[in-house]
Protein backbone atom coordinates (compact mmCIF):
# COMPACT_ATOMS: atom_id res chain seq x y z
CA UNK A 1 -0.11 0.05 0.04
CA UNK A 2 1.16 3.58 -0.76
CA UNK A 3 1.00 5.35 2.69
CA UNK A 4 2.50 9.08 2.18
CA UNK A 5 3.72 10.11 5.52
CA UNK A 6 4.25 6.89 7.14
CA UNK A 7 7.72 6.39 6.30
CA UNK A 8 8.36 9.60 4.32
CA UNK A 9 11.38 8.83 2.10
CA UNK A 10 10.21 5.22 1.48
CA UNK A 11 6.57 6.32 0.26
CA UNK A 12 7.89 9.12 -1.80
CA UNK A 13 10.02 6.55 -3.59
CA UNK A 14 7.27 4.20 -3.81
CA UNK A 15 4.67 6.69 -5.03
CA UNK A 16 7.14 7.59 -7.97
CA UNK A 17 7.79 4.01 -8.60
CA UNK A 18 3.90 3.68 -8.82
CA UNK A 19 3.46 6.73 -11.04
CA UNK A 20 6.31 5.41 -13.37
CA UNK A 21 4.82 1.90 -13.66
CA UNK A 22 1.26 3.15 -14.36
CA UNK A 23 1.81 6.20 -16.23
CA UNK A 24 -0.40 7.86 -13.59
CA UNK A 25 1.12 11.39 -12.73
CA UNK A 26 1.43 12.33 -8.97
CA UNK A 27 -0.46 15.38 -8.08
CA UNK A 28 -1.29 17.27 -4.55
CA UNK A 29 -4.60 15.80 -3.79
CA UNK A 30 -6.62 18.99 -2.27
CA UNK A 31 -9.22 16.92 0.05
CA UNK A 32 -6.14 15.63 1.67
CA UNK A 33 -4.54 19.20 1.70
CA UNK A 34 -7.61 20.50 3.37
CA UNK A 35 -7.44 18.05 5.94
CA UNK A 36 -4.19 18.49 6.92
CA UNK A 37 -4.65 22.30 7.01
CA UNK A 38 -7.47 22.17 9.39
CA UNK A 39 -5.07 19.29 11.46
CA UNK A 40 -2.26 21.76 11.63
CA UNK A 41 -4.15 24.77 11.62
CA UNK A 42 -5.69 23.63 15.14
CA UNK A 43 -2.44 22.91 16.74
CA UNK A 44 -1.17 26.41 15.81
CA UNK A 45 1.44 24.64 13.04
CA UNK A 46 2.34 25.57 9.57
CA UNK A 47 1.42 23.21 6.70
CA UNK A 48 5.04 23.59 5.05
CA UNK A 49 6.36 22.20 1.96
CA UNK A 50 7.55 18.80 3.49
CA UNK A 51 3.97 18.31 5.15
CA UNK A 52 2.19 19.22 1.58
CA UNK A 53 4.55 16.25 0.16
CA UNK A 54 2.27 13.70 2.09
CA UNK A 55 -0.69 15.01 0.20
CA UNK A 56 1.06 14.23 -3.26
CA UNK A 57 -0.62 11.06 -4.71
CA UNK A 58 -1.48 9.65 -7.84
CA UNK A 59 -4.27 11.44 -9.74
CA UNK A 60 -6.31 8.77 -9.82
CA UNK A 61 -6.20 7.68 -6.24
CA UNK A 62 -9.23 7.06 -3.96
CA UNK A 63 -8.26 8.19 -0.67
CA UNK A 64 -9.57 6.59 2.63
CA UNK A 65 -8.39 7.32 6.07
CA UNK A 66 -6.39 4.98 8.54
CA UNK A 67 -6.16 6.24 12.26
CA UNK A 68 -2.69 5.87 13.65
CA UNK A 69 -1.96 4.26 16.74
CA UNK A 70 -3.04 7.25 19.06
CA UNK A 71 -5.91 7.87 16.81
CA UNK A 72 -5.01 11.60 16.23
CA UNK A 73 -2.82 10.91 13.14
CA UNK A 74 -4.91 10.24 9.98
CA UNK A 75 -2.88 8.50 7.26
CA UNK A 76 -4.04 8.76 3.68
CA UNK A 77 -4.54 5.47 2.19
CA UNK A 78 -4.04 5.66 -1.91
CA UNK A 79 -6.25 2.98 -3.71
CA UNK A 80 -5.90 2.69 -7.58
CA UNK A 81 -8.99 0.86 -9.11
CA UNK A 82 -10.40 0.10 -5.88
CA UNK A 83 -7.17 -1.89 -4.85
CA UNK A 84 -4.41 -1.19 -2.59
CA UNK A 85 -1.77 0.61 -4.55
CA UNK A 86 0.88 -1.41 -3.76
């Protein structure tokens, strides 16, 4: 599965490989950006470029949410054609 943000470097590589193999470009997923903006605004933190990379997903991805171990961290899970991306 492609879960941007979990292992930041590994997932960026994974997303690039997925994009290259499927021919689907990566793009900033706006619903995820808005969710992240609300999360960081509530905490008084900046939504910077490094954090926005977590919202860079395959253009055709459907995004669900998985709750992290502390139930405070939302991790996007990218799906392609209804199946986990990797």
